[in-house]
Amino acid sequence: MIQHLLLAIDRRAGSFRSAALGLRLAWCCGARVTVLFVVTQPSPMSSGDQARSHDAVDAGERLFRRVRRMAAIAGVPCVCRYAFGRDAQTLVSEAAATHRCDLIVLGGP
């Protein structure tokens, strides 16, 4: 049985829709949700990269507010987190292991 979902999203336009579908799946399964907003960064970071990361965090905060509202309405326990790094796949798999998630839902293109 699925008890904990990891919803991995980013700044793409379809991220909110992916999060909404993931919350619906969690509601159907009676699972709790960790929403992971992935911010990939090239190395080494320049001042322009820092500005892009700041913009990504702002976008993440707006998305988190909407997701938290939907989760509260649906009665789905929800935690929102950020992940920063170079490789999105590694960030997602590490988060799934750390938070002991049973299923990973990836945001679509």
PDB file of N, CA and C in Angstrom:
ATOM      1  N   MET A   1       0.831  -1.170   0.000  1.00  0.00           N
ATOM      2  CA  MET A   1       0.000   0.000   0.000  1.00  0.00           C
ATOM      3  C   MET A   1       0.889   1.252   0.000  1.00  0.00           C
ATOM      4  N   ILE A   2       0.463   2.238  -0.708  1.00  0.00           N
ATOM      5  CA  ILE A   2       1.223   3.481  -0.806  1.00  0.00           C
ATOM      6  C   ILE A   2       0.862   4.368   0.384  1.00  0.00           C
ATOM      7  N   GLN A   3       1.894   4.737   1.149  1.00  0.00           N
ATOM      8  CA  GLN A   3       1.667   5.571   2.321  1.00  0.00           C
ATOM      9  C   GLN A   3       2.268   6.968   2.189  1.00  0.00           C
ATOM     10  N   HIS A   4       3.290   7.103   1.317  1.00  0.00           N
ATOM     11  CA  HIS A   4       3.988   8.390   1.210  1.00  0.00           C
ATOM     12  C   HIS A   4       4.419   8.615  -0.232  1.00  0.00           C
ATOM     13  N   LEU A   5       3.933   9.698  -0.823  1.00  0.00           N
ATOM     14  CA  LEU A   5       4.281  10.064  -2.199  1.00  0.00           C
ATOM     15  C   LEU A   5       5.284  11.209  -2.199  1.00  0.00           C
ATOM     16  N   LEU A   6       6.216  11.150  -3.131  1.00  0.00           N
ATOM     17  CA  LEU A   6       7.116  12.267  -3.396  1.00  0.00           C
ATOM     18  C   LEU A   6       6.706  12.866  -4.731  1.00  0.00           C
ATOM     19  N   LEU A   7       6.286  14.130  -4.715  1.00  0.00           N
ATOM     20  CA  LEU A   7       5.926  14.844  -5.938  1.00  0.00           C
ATOM     21  C   LEU A   7       7.105  15.732  -6.311  1.00  0.00           C
ATOM     22  N   ALA A   8       7.820  15.382  -7.345  1.00  0.00           N
ATOM     23  CA  ALA A   8       8.992  16.149  -7.778  1.00  0.00           C
ATOM     24  C   ALA A   8       8.581  17.098  -8.895  1.00  0.00           C
ATOM     25  N   ILE A   9       8.740  18.404  -8.643  1.00  0.00           N
ATOM     26  CA  ILE A   9       8.334  19.414  -9.612  1.00  0.00           C
ATOM     27  C   ILE A   9       9.452  20.443  -9.774  1.00  0.00           C
ATOM     28  N   ASP A  10       9.288  21.306 -10.756  1.00  0.00           N
ATOM     29  CA  ASP A  10      10.246  22.388 -10.980  1.00  0.00           C
ATOM     30  C   ASP A  10       9.486  23.603 -11.500  1.00  0.00           C
ATOM     31  N   ARG A  11      10.179  24.474 -12.225  1.00  0.00           N
ATOM     32  CA  ARG A  11       9.562  25.726 -12.684  1.00  0.00           C
ATOM     33  C   ARG A  11       8.739  25.576 -13.958  1.00  0.00           C
ATOM     34  N   ARG A  12       8.687  24.411 -14.532  1.00  0.00           N
ATOM     35  CA  ARG A  12       7.962  24.246 -15.788  1.00  0.00           C
ATOM     36  C   ARG A  12       6.477  24.545 -15.635  1.00  0.00           C
ATOM     37  N   ALA A  13       5.868  24.919 -16.735  1.00  0.00           N
ATOM     38  CA  ALA A  13       4.463  25.345 -16.736  1.00  0.00           C
ATOM     39  C   ALA A  13       3.512  24.257 -16.226  1.00  0.00           C
ATOM     40  N   GLY A  14       3.791  23.012 -16.482  1.00  0.00           N
ATOM     41  CA  GLY A  14       2.890  21.932 -16.090  1.00  0.00           C
ATOM     42  C   GLY A  14       3.064  21.449 -14.662  1.00  0.00           C
ATOM     43  N   SER A  15       3.921  22.095 -13.887  1.00  0.00           N
ATOM     44  CA  SER A  15       4.212  21.615 -12.535  1.00  0.00           C
ATOM     45  C   SER A  15       3.002  21.643 -11.610  1.00  0.00           C
ATOM     46  N   PHE A  16       2.201  22.696 -11.686  1.00  0.00           N
ATOM     47  CA  PHE A  16       1.030  22.771 -10.811  1.00  0.00           C
ATOM     48  C   PHE A  16       0.047  21.655 -11.143  1.00  0.00           C
ATOM     49  N   ARG A  17      -0.143  21.415 -12.420  1.00  0.00           N
ATOM     50  CA  ARG A  17      -1.055  20.336 -12.823  1.00  0.00           C
ATOM     51  C   ARG A  17      -0.538  18.980 -12.328  1.00  0.00           C
ATOM     52  N   SER A  18       0.762  18.765 -12.438  1.00  0.00           N
ATOM     53  CA  SER A  18       1.358  17.519 -11.944  1.00  0.00           C
ATOM     54  C   SER A  18       1.153  17.382 -10.442  1.00  0.00           C
ATOM     55  N   ALA A  19       1.343  18.488  -9.723  1.00  0.00           N
ATOM     56  CA  ALA A  19       1.146  18.463  -8.276  1.00  0.00           C
ATOM     57  C   ALA A  19      -0.315  18.168  -7.936  1.00  0.00           C
ATOM     58  N   ALA A  20      -1.237  18.766  -8.679  1.00  0.00           N
ATOM     59  CA  ALA A  20      -2.665  18.528  -8.441  1.00  0.00           C
ATOM     60  C   ALA A  20      -3.015  17.052  -8.674  1.00  0.00           C
ATOM     61  N   LEU A  21      -2.480  16.467  -9.730  1.00  0.00           N
ATOM     62  CA  LEU A  21      -2.743  15.047  -9.995  1.00  0.00           C
ATOM     63  C   LEU A  21      -2.127  14.167  -8.913  1.00  0.00           C
ATOM     64  N   GLY A  22      -0.922  14.537  -8.456  1.00  0.00           N
ATOM     65  CA  GLY A  22      -0.280  13.784  -7.382  1.00  0.00           C
ATOM     66  C   GLY A  22      -1.061  13.859  -6.081  1.00  0.00           C
ATOM     67  N   LEU A  23      -1.609  15.037  -5.774  1.00  0.00           N
ATOM     68  CA  LEU A  23      -2.433  15.177  -4.571  1.00  0.00           C
ATOM     69  C   LEU A  23      -3.712  14.348  -4.677  1.00  0.00           C
ATOM     70  N   ARG A  24      -4.268  14.304  -5.866  1.00  0.00           N
ATOM     71  CA  ARG A  24      -5.475  13.483  -6.058  1.00  0.00           C
ATOM     72  C   ARG A  24      -5.153  12.006  -5.849  1.00  0.00           C
ATOM     73  N   LEU A  25      -4.018  11.569  -6.383  1.00  0.00           N
ATOM     74  CA  LEU A  25      -3.582  10.187  -6.185  1.00  0.00           C
ATOM     75  C   LEU A  25      -3.381   9.901  -4.699  1.00  0.00           C
ATOM     76  N   ALA A  26      -2.749  10.816  -3.992  1.00  0.00           N
ATOM     77  CA  ALA A  26      -2.525  10.646  -2.555  1.00  0.00           C
ATOM     78  C   ALA A  26      -3.852  10.568  -1.807  1.00  0.00           C
ATOM     79  N   TRP A  27      -4.792  11.411  -2.196  1.00  0.00           N
ATOM     80  CA  TRP A  27      -6.105  11.395  -1.563  1.00  0.00           C
ATOM     81  C   TRP A  27      -6.776  10.039  -1.768  1.00  0.00           C
ATOM     82  N   CYS A  28      -6.694   9.516  -2.989  1.00  0.00           N
ATOM     83  CA  CYS A  28      -7.311   8.217  -3.299  1.00  0.00           C
ATOM     84  C   CYS A  28      -6.675   7.083  -2.503  1.00  0.00           C
ATOM     85  N   CYS A  29      -5.361   7.180  -2.263  1.00  0.00           N
ATOM     86  CA  CYS A  29      -4.629   6.117  -1.557  1.00  0.00           C
ATOM     87  C   CYS A  29      -4.582   6.323  -0.054  1.00  0.00           C
ATOM     88  N   GLY A  30      -4.975   7.513   0.398  1.00  0.00           N
ATOM     89  CA  GLY A  30      -4.852   7.826   1.818  1.00  0.00           C
ATOM     90  C   GLY A  30      -3.402   8.064   2.224  1.00  0.00           C
ATOM     91  N   ALA A  31      -2.606   8.555   1.289  1.00  0.00           N
ATOM     92  CA  ALA A  31      -1.175   8.750   1.530  1.00  0.00           C
ATOM     93  C   ALA A  31      -0.865  10.195   1.912  1.00  0.00           C
ATOM     94  N   ARG A  32       0.279  10.389   2.515  1.00  0.00           N
ATOM     95  CA  ARG A  32       0.790  11.733   2.755  1.00  0.00           C
ATOM     96  C   ARG A  32       1.733  12.099   1.621  1.00  0.00           C
ATOM     97  N   VAL A  33       2.055  13.387   1.502  1.00  0.00           N
ATOM     98  CA  VAL A  33       2.805  13.872   0.345  1.00  0.00           C
ATOM     99  C   VAL A  33       3.970  14.757   0.784  1.00  0.00           C
ATOM    100  N   THR A  34       5.104  14.549   0.123  1.00  0.00           N
ATOM    101  CA  THR A  34       6.212  15.501   0.188  1.00  0.00           C
ATOM    102  C   THR A  34       6.358  16.074  -1.212  1.00  0.00           C
ATOM    103  N   VAL A  35       6.237  17.395  -1.324  1.00  0.00           N
ATOM    104  CA  VAL A  35       6.412  18.082  -2.601  1.00  0.00           C
ATOM    105  C   VAL A  35       7.850  18.587  -2.641  1.00  0.00           C
ATOM    106  N   LEU A  36       8.592  18.167  -3.643  1.00  0.00           N
ATOM    107  CA  LEU A  36       9.998  18.543  -3.791  1.00  0.00           C
ATOM    108  C   LEU A  36      10.139  19.458  -4.996  1.00  0.00           C
ATOM    109  N   PHE A  37      10.515  20.702  -4.747  1.00  0.00           N
ATOM    110  CA  PHE A  37      10.747  21.662  -5.821  1.00  0.00           C
ATOM    111  C   PHE A  37      12.235  21.623  -6.145  1.00  0.00           C
ATOM    112  N   VAL A  38      12.570  21.124  -7.333  1.00  0.00           N
ATOM    113  CA  VAL A  38      13.957  20.900  -7.737  1.00  0.00           C
ATOM    114  C   VAL A  38      14.500  22.131  -8.449  1.00  0.00           C
ATOM    115  N   VAL A  39      15.640  22.623  -7.959  1.00  0.00           N
ATOM    116  CA  VAL A  39      16.333  23.754  -8.585  1.00  0.00           C
ATOM    117  C   VAL A  39      17.712  23.264  -8.991  1.00  0.00           C
ATOM    118  N   THR A  40      17.916  23.081 -10.293  1.00  0.00           N
ATOM    119  CA  THR A  40      19.228  22.643 -10.769  1.00  0.00           C
ATOM    120  C   THR A  40      20.115  23.846 -11.003  1.00  0.00           C
ATOM    121  N   GLN A  41      21.390  23.683 -10.659  1.00  0.00           N
ATOM    122  CA  GLN A  41      22.363  24.762 -10.767  1.00  0.00           C
ATOM    123  C   GLN A  41      23.609  24.262 -11.475  1.00  0.00           C
ATOM    124  N   PRO A  42      24.088  25.021 -12.462  1.00  0.00           N
ATOM    125  CA  PRO A  42      25.369  24.660 -13.059  1.00  0.00           C
ATOM    126  C   PRO A  42      26.501  24.970 -12.084  1.00  0.00           C
ATOM    127  N   SER A  43      27.667  24.450 -12.357  1.00  0.00           N
ATOM    128  CA  SER A  43      28.811  24.722 -11.490  1.00  0.00           C
ATOM    129  C   SER A  43      29.922  25.354 -12.302  1.00  0.00           C
ATOM    130  N   PRO A  44      30.690  26.270 -11.797  1.00  0.00           N
ATOM    131  CA  PRO A  44      30.502  26.998 -10.548  1.00  0.00           C
ATOM    132  C   PRO A  44      29.443  28.078 -10.700  1.00  0.00           C
ATOM    133  N   MET A  45      28.899  28.524  -9.575  1.00  0.00           N
ATOM    134  CA  MET A  45      27.828  29.512  -9.614  1.00  0.00           C
ATOM    135  C   MET A  45      28.380  30.918  -9.830  1.00  0.00           C
ATOM    136  N   SER A  46      27.756  31.639 -10.727  1.00  0.00           N
ATOM    137  CA  SER A  46      28.080  33.046 -10.944  1.00  0.00           C
ATOM    138  C   SER A  46      26.965  33.890 -10.336  1.00  0.00           C
ATOM    139  N   SER A  47      27.114  35.203 -10.378  1.00  0.00           N
ATOM    140  CA  SER A  47      26.077  36.068  -9.815  1.00  0.00           C
ATOM    141  C   SER A  47      24.764  35.920 -10.585  1.00  0.00           C
ATOM    142  N   GLY A  48      24.822  35.656 -11.886  1.00  0.00           N
ATOM    143  CA  GLY A  48      23.605  35.424 -12.671  1.00  0.00           C
ATOM    144  C   GLY A  48      22.892  34.160 -12.252  1.00  0.00           C
ATOM    145  N   ASP A  49      23.675  33.129 -11.902  1.00  0.00           N
ATOM    146  CA  ASP A  49      23.083  31.877 -11.430  1.00  0.00           C
ATOM    147  C   ASP A  49      22.387  32.073 -10.092  1.00  0.00           C
ATOM    148  N   GLN A  50      22.951  32.934  -9.235  1.00  0.00           N
ATOM    149  CA  GLN A  50      22.328  33.204  -7.945  1.00  0.00           C
ATOM    150  C   GLN A  50      20.983  33.901  -8.143  1.00  0.00           C
ATOM    151  N   ALA A  51      20.926  34.808  -9.103  1.00  0.00           N
ATOM    152  CA  ALA A  51      19.664  35.494  -9.392  1.00  0.00           C
ATOM    153  C   ALA A  51      18.623  34.504  -9.915  1.00  0.00           C
ATOM    154  N   ARG A  52      19.044  33.574 -10.781  1.00  0.00           N
ATOM    155  CA  ARG A  52      18.111  32.562 -11.293  1.00  0.00           C
ATOM    156  C   ARG A  52      17.625  31.652 -10.166  1.00  0.00           C
ATOM    157  N   SER A  53      18.519  31.309  -9.237  1.00  0.00           N
ATOM    158  CA  SER A  53      18.107  30.481  -8.097  1.00  0.00           C
ATOM    159  C   SER A  53      17.099  31.223  -7.240  1.00  0.00           C
ATOM    160  N   HIS A  54      17.324  32.512  -7.038  1.00  0.00           N
ATOM    161  CA  HIS A  54      16.385  33.329  -6.249  1.00  0.00           C
ATOM    162  C   HIS A  54      15.024  33.361  -6.940  1.00  0.00           C
ATOM    163  N   ASP A  55      15.012  33.529  -8.262  1.00  0.00           N
ATOM    164  CA  ASP A  55      13.756  33.511  -9.015  1.00  0.00           C
ATOM    165  C   ASP A  55      13.064  32.160  -8.896  1.00  0.00           C
ATOM    166  N   ALA A  56      13.853  31.091  -8.913  1.00  0.00           N
ATOM    167  CA  ALA A  56      13.282  29.747  -8.782  1.00  0.00           C
ATOM    168  C   ALA A  56      12.641  29.562  -7.415  1.00  0.00           C
ATOM    169  N   VAL A  57      13.289  30.073  -6.374  1.00  0.00           N
ATOM    170  CA  VAL A  57      12.724  29.966  -5.028  1.00  0.00           C
ATOM    171  C   VAL A  57      11.426  30.762  -4.941  1.00  0.00           C
ATOM    172  N   ASP A  58      11.390  31.951  -5.547  1.00  0.00           N
ATOM    173  CA  ASP A  58      10.151  32.735  -5.564  1.00  0.00           C
ATOM    174  C   ASP A  58       9.034  31.964  -6.267  1.00  0.00           C
ATOM    175  N   ALA A  59       9.362  31.349  -7.404  1.00  0.00           N
ATOM    176  CA  ALA A  59       8.369  30.544  -8.135  1.00  0.00           C
ATOM    177  C   ALA A  59       7.932  29.357  -7.284  1.00  0.00           C
ATOM    178  N   GLY A  60       8.877  28.738  -6.581  1.00  0.00           N
ATOM    179  CA  GLY A  60       8.556  27.614  -5.702  1.00  0.00           C
ATOM    180  C   GLY A  60       7.618  28.015  -4.575  1.00  0.00           C
ATOM    181  N   GLU A  61       7.863  29.175  -3.987  1.00  0.00           N
ATOM    182  CA  GLU A  61       6.994  29.643  -2.901  1.00  0.00           C
ATOM    183  C   GLU A  61       5.564  29.863  -3.388  1.00  0.00           C
ATOM    184  N   ARG A  62       5.415  30.442  -4.575  1.00  0.00           N
ATOM    185  CA  ARG A  62       4.068  30.644  -5.129  1.00  0.00           C
ATOM    186  C   ARG A  62       3.379  29.303  -5.371  1.00  0.00           C
ATOM    187  N   LEU A  63       4.117  28.359  -5.923  1.00  0.00           N
ATOM    188  CA  LEU A  63       3.562  27.035  -6.189  1.00  0.00           C
ATOM    189  C   LEU A  63       3.234  26.309  -4.889  1.00  0.00           C
ATOM    190  N   PHE A  64       4.118  26.405  -3.902  1.00  0.00           N
ATOM    191  CA  PHE A  64       3.872  25.765  -2.610  1.00  0.00           C
ATOM    192  C   PHE A  64       2.596  26.296  -1.955  1.00  0.00           C
ATOM    193  N   ARG A  65       2.354  27.605  -2.042  1.00  0.00           N
ATOM    194  CA  ARG A  65       1.128  28.169  -1.453  1.00  0.00           C
ATOM    195  C   ARG A  65      -0.108  27.530  -2.070  1.00  0.00           C
ATOM    196  N   ARG A  66      -0.104  27.397  -3.388  1.00  0.00           N
ATOM    197  CA  ARG A  66      -1.260  26.797  -4.072  1.00  0.00           C
ATOM    198  C   ARG A  66      -1.410  25.325  -3.707  1.00  0.00           C
ATOM    199  N   VAL A  67      -0.305  24.605  -3.663  1.00  0.00           N
ATOM    200  CA  VAL A  67      -0.346  23.174  -3.350  1.00  0.00           C
ATOM    201  C   VAL A  67      -0.809  22.957  -1.912  1.00  0.00           C
ATOM    202  N   ARG A  68      -0.297  23.755  -0.984  1.00  0.00           N
ATOM    203  CA  ARG A  68      -0.719  23.619   0.420  1.00  0.00           C
ATOM    204  C   ARG A  68      -2.217  23.866   0.571  1.00  0.00           C
ATOM    205  N   ARG A  69      -2.724  24.850  -0.157  1.00  0.00           N
ATOM    206  CA  ARG A  69      -4.164  25.155  -0.104  1.00  0.00           C
ATOM    207  C   ARG A  69      -4.973  23.957  -0.605  1.00  0.00           C
ATOM    208  N   MET A  70      -4.562  23.395  -1.755  1.00  0.00           N
ATOM    209  CA  MET A  70      -5.274  22.230  -2.294  1.00  0.00           C
ATOM    210  C   MET A  70      -5.195  21.036  -1.352  1.00  0.00           C
ATOM    211  N   ALA A  71      -4.016  20.802  -0.773  1.00  0.00           N
ATOM    212  CA  ALA A  71      -3.842  19.672   0.141  1.00  0.00           C
ATOM    213  C   ALA A  71      -4.728  19.838   1.375  1.00  0.00           C
ATOM    214  N   ALA A  72      -4.818  21.049   1.885  1.00  0.00           N
ATOM    215  CA  ALA A  72      -5.661  21.304   3.056  1.00  0.00           C
ATOM    216  C   ALA A  72      -7.131  21.045   2.741  1.00  0.00           C
ATOM    217  N   ILE A  73      -7.571  21.480   1.580  1.00  0.00           N
ATOM    218  CA  ILE A  73      -8.966  21.254   1.179  1.00  0.00           C
ATOM    219  C   ILE A  73      -9.252  19.760   1.047  1.00  0.00           C
ATOM    220  N   ALA A  74      -8.288  19.024   0.489  1.00  0.00           N
ATOM    221  CA  ALA A  74      -8.471  17.582   0.288  1.00  0.00           C
ATOM    222  C   ALA A  74      -8.212  16.767   1.550  1.00  0.00           C
ATOM    223  N   GLY A  75      -7.608  17.393   2.563  1.00  0.00           N
ATOM    224  CA  GLY A  75      -7.281  16.658   3.782  1.00  0.00           C
ATOM    225  C   GLY A  75      -6.073  15.752   3.626  1.00  0.00           C
ATOM    226  N   VAL A  76      -5.169  16.117   2.714  1.00  0.00           N
ATOM    227  CA  VAL A  76      -3.960  15.326   2.469  1.00  0.00           C
ATOM    228  C   VAL A  76      -2.795  15.970   3.223  1.00  0.00           C
ATOM    229  N   PRO A  77      -2.138  15.227   4.125  1.00  0.00           N
ATOM    230  CA  PRO A  77      -0.959  15.774   4.797  1.00  0.00           C
ATOM    231  C   PRO A  77       0.133  16.082   3.768  1.00  0.00           C
ATOM    232  N   CYS A  78       0.681  17.294   3.827  1.00  0.00           N
ATOM    233  CA  CYS A  78       1.592  17.750   2.783  1.00  0.00           C
ATOM    234  C   CYS A  78       2.735  18.565   3.382  1.00  0.00           C
ATOM    235  N   VAL A  79       3.956  18.243   2.958  1.00  0.00           N
ATOM    236  CA  VAL A  79       5.149  18.984   3.342  1.00  0.00           C
ATOM    237  C   VAL A  79       5.833  19.420   2.056  1.00  0.00           C
ATOM    238  N   CYS A  80       6.300  20.669   2.018  1.00  0.00           N
ATOM    239  CA  CYS A  80       6.973  21.205   0.829  1.00  0.00           C
ATOM    240  C   CYS A  80       8.448  21.451   1.132  1.00  0.00           C
ATOM    241  N   ARG A  81       9.310  21.025   0.216  1.00  0.00           N
ATOM    242  CA  ARG A  81      10.761  21.154   0.398  1.00  0.00           C
ATOM    243  C   ARG A  81      11.416  21.558  -0.914  1.00  0.00           C
ATOM    244  N   TYR A  82      12.616  22.127  -0.782  1.00  0.00           N
ATOM    245  CA  TYR A  82      13.454  22.453  -1.943  1.00  0.00           C
ATOM    246  C   TYR A  82      14.603  21.470  -2.030  1.00  0.00           C
ATOM    247  N   ALA A  83      15.109  21.290  -3.250  1.00  0.00           N
ATOM    248  CA  ALA A  83      16.338  20.526  -3.473  1.00  0.00           C
ATOM    249  C   ALA A  83      17.181  21.304  -4.477  1.00  0.00           C
ATOM    250  N   PHE A  84      18.419  21.594  -4.115  1.00  0.00           N
ATOM    251  CA  PHE A  84      19.337  22.341  -4.974  1.00  0.00           C
ATOM    252  C   PHE A  84      20.507  21.448  -5.344  1.00  0.00           C
ATOM    253  N   GLY A  85      20.893  21.471  -6.606  1.00  0.00           N
ATOM    254  CA  GLY A  85      22.048  20.693  -7.035  1.00  0.00           C
ATOM    255  C   GLY A  85      22.159  20.660  -8.540  1.00  0.00           C
ATOM    256  N   ARG A  86      23.123  19.888  -9.023  1.00  0.00           N
ATOM    257  CA  ARG A  86      23.393  19.808 -10.463  1.00  0.00           C
ATOM    258  C   ARG A  86      22.544  18.775 -11.181  1.00  0.00           C
ATOM    259  N   ASP A  87      22.260  17.660 -10.520  1.00  0.00           N
ATOM    260  CA  ASP A  87      21.584  16.549 -11.182  1.00  0.00           C
ATOM    261  C   ASP A  87      20.214  16.297 -10.552  1.00  0.00           C
ATOM    262  N   ALA A  88      19.165  16.606 -11.293  1.00  0.00           N
ATOM    263  CA  ALA A  88      17.801  16.476 -10.778  1.00  0.00           C
ATOM    264  C   ALA A  88      17.474  15.043 -10.386  1.00  0.00           C
ATOM    265  N   GLN A  89      17.917  14.085 -11.178  1.00  0.00           N
ATOM    266  CA  GLN A  89      17.606  12.684 -10.890  1.00  0.00           C
ATOM    267  C   GLN A  89      18.195  12.255  -9.545  1.00  0.00           C
ATOM    268  N   THR A  90      19.416  12.671  -9.279  1.00  0.00           N
ATOM    269  CA  THR A  90      20.050  12.341  -8.002  1.00  0.00           C
ATOM    270  C   THR A  90      19.325  13.017  -6.843  1.00  0.00           C
ATOM    271  N   LEU A  91      18.948  14.273  -7.026  1.00  0.00           N
ATOM    272  CA  LEU A  91      18.231  14.998  -5.969  1.00  0.00           C
ATOM    273  C   LEU A  91      16.922  14.307  -5.616  1.00  0.00           C
ATOM    274  N   VAL A  92      16.198  13.880  -6.638  1.00  0.00           N
ATOM    275  CA  VAL A  92      14.898  13.226  -6.416  1.00  0.00           C
ATOM    276  C   VAL A  92      15.084  11.873  -5.732  1.00  0.00           C
ATOM    277  N   SER A  93      16.026  11.070  -6.193  1.00  0.00           N
ATOM    278  CA  SER A  93      16.212   9.744  -5.587  1.00  0.00           C
ATOM    279  C   SER A  93      16.721   9.853  -4.149  1.00  0.00           C
ATOM    280  N   GLU A  94      17.576  10.832  -3.874  1.00  0.00           N
ATOM    281  CA  GLU A  94      18.040  11.031  -2.496  1.00  0.00           C
ATOM    282  C   GLU A  94      16.888  11.477  -1.593  1.00  0.00           C
ATOM    283  N   ALA A  95      16.032  12.367  -2.093  1.00  0.00           N
ATOM    284  CA  ALA A  95      14.889  12.824  -1.304  1.00  0.00           C
ATOM    285  C   ALA A  95      13.924  11.671  -1.034  1.00  0.00           C
ATOM    286  N   ALA A  96      13.696  10.836  -2.033  1.00  0.00           N
ATOM    287  CA  ALA A  96      12.792   9.692  -1.848  1.00  0.00           C
ATOM    288  C   ALA A  96      13.323   8.744  -0.776  1.00  0.00           C
ATOM    289  N   ALA A  97      14.621   8.525  -0.775  1.00  0.00           N
ATOM    290  CA  ALA A  97      15.221   7.653   0.242  1.00  0.00           C
ATOM    291  C   ALA A  97      15.192   8.308   1.624  1.00  0.00           C
ATOM    292  N   THR A  98      15.534   9.577   1.683  1.00  0.00           N
ATOM    293  CA  THR A  98      15.572  10.298   2.956  1.00  0.00           C
ATOM    294  C   THR A  98      14.195  10.356   3.617  1.00  0.00           C
ATOM    295  N   HIS A  99      13.165  10.613   2.826  1.00  0.00           N
ATOM    296  CA  HIS A  99      11.815  10.769   3.367  1.00  0.00           C
ATOM    297  C   HIS A  99      11.016   9.467   3.341  1.00  0.00           C
ATOM    298  N   ARG A 100      11.664   8.384   2.911  1.00  0.00           N
ATOM    299  CA  ARG A 100      11.048   7.047   2.872  1.00  0.00           C
ATOM    300  C   ARG A 100       9.737   7.036   2.092  1.00  0.00           C
ATOM    301  N   CYS A 101       9.816   7.533   0.862  1.00  0.00           N
ATOM    302  CA  CYS A 101       8.639   7.601  -0.001  1.00  0.00           C
ATOM    303  C   CYS A 101       8.430   6.278  -0.726  1.00  0.00           C
ATOM    304  N   ASP A 102       7.182   5.895  -0.876  1.00  0.00           N
ATOM    305  CA  ASP A 102       6.832   4.647  -1.551  1.00  0.00           C
ATOM    306  C   ASP A 102       6.703   4.814  -3.060  1.00  0.00           C
ATOM    307  N   LEU A 103       6.396   6.034  -3.499  1.00  0.00           N
ATOM    308  CA  LEU A 103       6.160   6.286  -4.915  1.00  0.00           C
ATOM    309  C   LEU A 103       6.635   7.688  -5.268  1.00  0.00           C
ATOM    310  N   ILE A 104       7.273   7.815  -6.414  1.00  0.00           N
ATOM    311  CA  ILE A 104       7.729   9.113  -6.910  1.00  0.00           C
ATOM    312  C   ILE A 104       6.839   9.509  -8.087  1.00  0.00           C
ATOM    313  N   VAL A 105       6.282  10.700  -8.017  1.00  0.00           N
ATOM    314  CA  VAL A 105       5.495  11.257  -9.127  1.00  0.00           C
ATOM    315  C   VAL A 105       6.294  12.419  -9.692  1.00  0.00           C
ATOM    316  N   LEU A 106       6.666  12.313 -10.960  1.00  0.00           N
ATOM    317  CA  LEU A 106       7.476  13.339 -11.603  1.00  0.00           C
ATOM    318  C   LEU A 106       6.582  14.294 -12.395  1.00  0.00           C
ATOM    319  N   GLY A 107       6.905  15.577 -12.310  1.00  0.00           N
ATOM    320  CA  GLY A 107       6.197  16.576 -13.095  1.00  0.00           C
ATOM    321  C   GLY A 107       6.459  16.372 -14.574  1.00  0.00           C
ATOM    322  N   GLY A 108       5.433  16.573 -15.380  1.00  0.00           N
ATOM    323  CA  GLY A 108       5.551  16.377 -16.826  1.00  0.00           C
ATOM    324  C   GLY A 108       6.181  17.555 -17.518  1.00  0.00           C
ATOM    325  N   PRO A 109       6.412  17.400 -18.834  1.00  0.00           N
ATOM    326  CA  PRO A 109       7.034  18.486 -19.603  1.00  0.00           C
ATOM    327  C   PRO A 109       6.131  19.686 -19.758  1.00  0.00           C
TER     328      PRO A 109
END
